[in-house]
Amino acid sequence: MAETGLQSDKALGLGLLFGALGIAGAVVMYVAAAQQLLAGWGFALAIVFGSLAVGVIHVFS
């Protein structure tokens, strides 16, 4: 019987790394709310790294 639901260590590690970077981007966006350009870059980082965190889990699973 084939086992299902196995996840590689690489998927978990990269998912956590990109998730932490996404949270850091959200923090930049929150802290720099008065400066729209910096807040925009923080939002971009949060979206990109959040998407990568989800994607890497699917790729390496």
C-alpha atoms as a PDB file:
ATOM      1  CA  MET A   1       0.000   0.000   0.000  1.00  0.00           C
ATOM      2  CA  ALA A   2       1.216   3.451  -0.826  1.00  0.00           C
ATOM      3  CA  GLU A   3       1.444   5.910   1.983  1.00  0.00           C
ATOM      4  CA  THR A   4      -0.187   9.263   1.450  1.00  0.00           C
ATOM      5  CA  GLY A   5       0.323  12.587   3.129  1.00  0.00           C
ATOM      6  CA  LEU A   6       4.114  12.399   3.323  1.00  0.00           C
ATOM      7  CA  GLN A   7       5.917  15.707   3.191  1.00  0.00           C
ATOM      8  CA  SER A   8       9.596  16.183   2.571  1.00  0.00           C
ATOM      9  CA  ASP A   9      11.774  18.141   4.950  1.00  0.00           C
ATOM     10  CA  LYS A  10      12.592  20.492   2.109  1.00  0.00           C
ATOM     11  CA  ALA A  11       8.898  21.390   1.679  1.00  0.00           C
ATOM     12  CA  LEU A  12       8.497  22.072   5.370  1.00  0.00           C
ATOM     13  CA  GLY A  13      11.707  24.086   5.688  1.00  0.00           C
ATOM     14  CA  LEU A  14      11.155  26.220   2.615  1.00  0.00           C
ATOM     15  CA  GLY A  15       7.498  26.705   3.501  1.00  0.00           C
ATOM     16  CA  LEU A  16       8.473  27.999   6.929  1.00  0.00           C
ATOM     17  CA  LEU A  17      11.216  30.209   5.479  1.00  0.00           C
ATOM     18  CA  PHE A  18       8.964  31.804   2.880  1.00  0.00           C
ATOM     19  CA  GLY A  19       6.171  32.115   5.427  1.00  0.00           C
ATOM     20  CA  ALA A  20       8.478  33.986   7.797  1.00  0.00           C
ATOM     21  CA  LEU A  21       9.615  36.265   4.970  1.00  0.00           C
ATOM     22  CA  GLY A  22       5.974  36.894   4.071  1.00  0.00           C
ATOM     23  CA  ILE A  23       5.241  37.875   7.655  1.00  0.00           C
ATOM     24  CA  ALA A  24       8.278  40.173   7.594  1.00  0.00           C
ATOM     25  CA  GLY A  25       6.879  41.848   4.481  1.00  0.00           C
ATOM     26  CA  ALA A  26       3.541  42.338   6.236  1.00  0.00           C
ATOM     27  CA  VAL A  27       5.331  43.882   9.215  1.00  0.00           C
ATOM     28  CA  VAL A  28       7.150  46.291   6.879  1.00  0.00           C
ATOM     29  CA  MET A  29       3.811  47.202   5.329  1.00  0.00           C
ATOM     30  CA  TYR A  30       2.276  47.849   8.763  1.00  0.00           C
ATOM     31  CA  VAL A  31       5.200  49.839  10.154  1.00  0.00           C
ATOM     32  CA  ALA A  32       5.611  51.993   7.031  1.00  0.00           C
ATOM     33  CA  ALA A  33       1.934  52.877   6.666  1.00  0.00           C
ATOM     34  CA  ALA A  34       2.721  56.603   6.415  1.00  0.00           C
ATOM     35  CA  GLN A  35       5.153  56.064   3.518  1.00  0.00           C
ATOM     36  CA  GLN A  36       3.127  54.622   0.671  1.00  0.00           C
ATOM     37  CA  LEU A  37       6.056  53.498  -1.462  1.00  0.00           C
ATOM     38  CA  LEU A  38       7.687  51.495   1.327  1.00  0.00           C
ATOM     39  CA  ALA A  39       4.330  50.089   2.404  1.00  0.00           C
ATOM     40  CA  GLY A  40       3.723  49.026  -1.199  1.00  0.00           C
ATOM     41  CA  TRP A  41       7.027  47.170  -1.297  1.00  0.00           C
ATOM     42  CA  GLY A  42       6.165  45.491   1.988  1.00  0.00           C
ATOM     43  CA  PHE A  43       2.840  44.382   0.532  1.00  0.00           C
ATOM     44  CA  ALA A  44       4.586  43.070  -2.580  1.00  0.00           C
ATOM     45  CA  LEU A  45       7.038  41.087  -0.457  1.00  0.00           C
ATOM     46  CA  ALA A  46       4.217  39.671   1.656  1.00  0.00           C
ATOM     47  CA  ILE A  47       2.267  38.544  -1.420  1.00  0.00           C
ATOM     48  CA  VAL A  48       5.270  37.084  -3.255  1.00  0.00           C
ATOM     49  CA  PHE A  49       6.686  35.191  -0.291  1.00  0.00           C
ATOM     50  CA  GLY A  50       3.234  34.047   0.838  1.00  0.00           C
ATOM     51  CA  SER A  51       2.575  32.637  -2.625  1.00  0.00           C
ATOM     52  CA  LEU A  52       5.985  30.977  -2.682  1.00  0.00           C
ATOM     53  CA  ALA A  53       5.330  29.423   0.729  1.00  0.00           C
ATOM     54  CA  VAL A  54       2.170  27.768  -0.560  1.00  0.00           C
ATOM     55  CA  GLY A  55       3.714  26.833  -3.897  1.00  0.00           C
ATOM     56  CA  VAL A  56       6.838  25.219  -2.495  1.00  0.00           C
ATOM     57  CA  ILE A  57       4.774  22.990  -0.233  1.00  0.00           C
ATOM     58  CA  HIS A  58       2.820  21.751  -3.260  1.00  0.00           C
ATOM     59  CA  VAL A  59       5.905  21.294  -5.410  1.00  0.00           C
ATOM     60  CA  PHE A  60       7.893  19.244  -2.901  1.00  0.00           C
ATOM     61  CA  SER A  61       4.986  17.186  -1.546  1.00  0.00           C
END
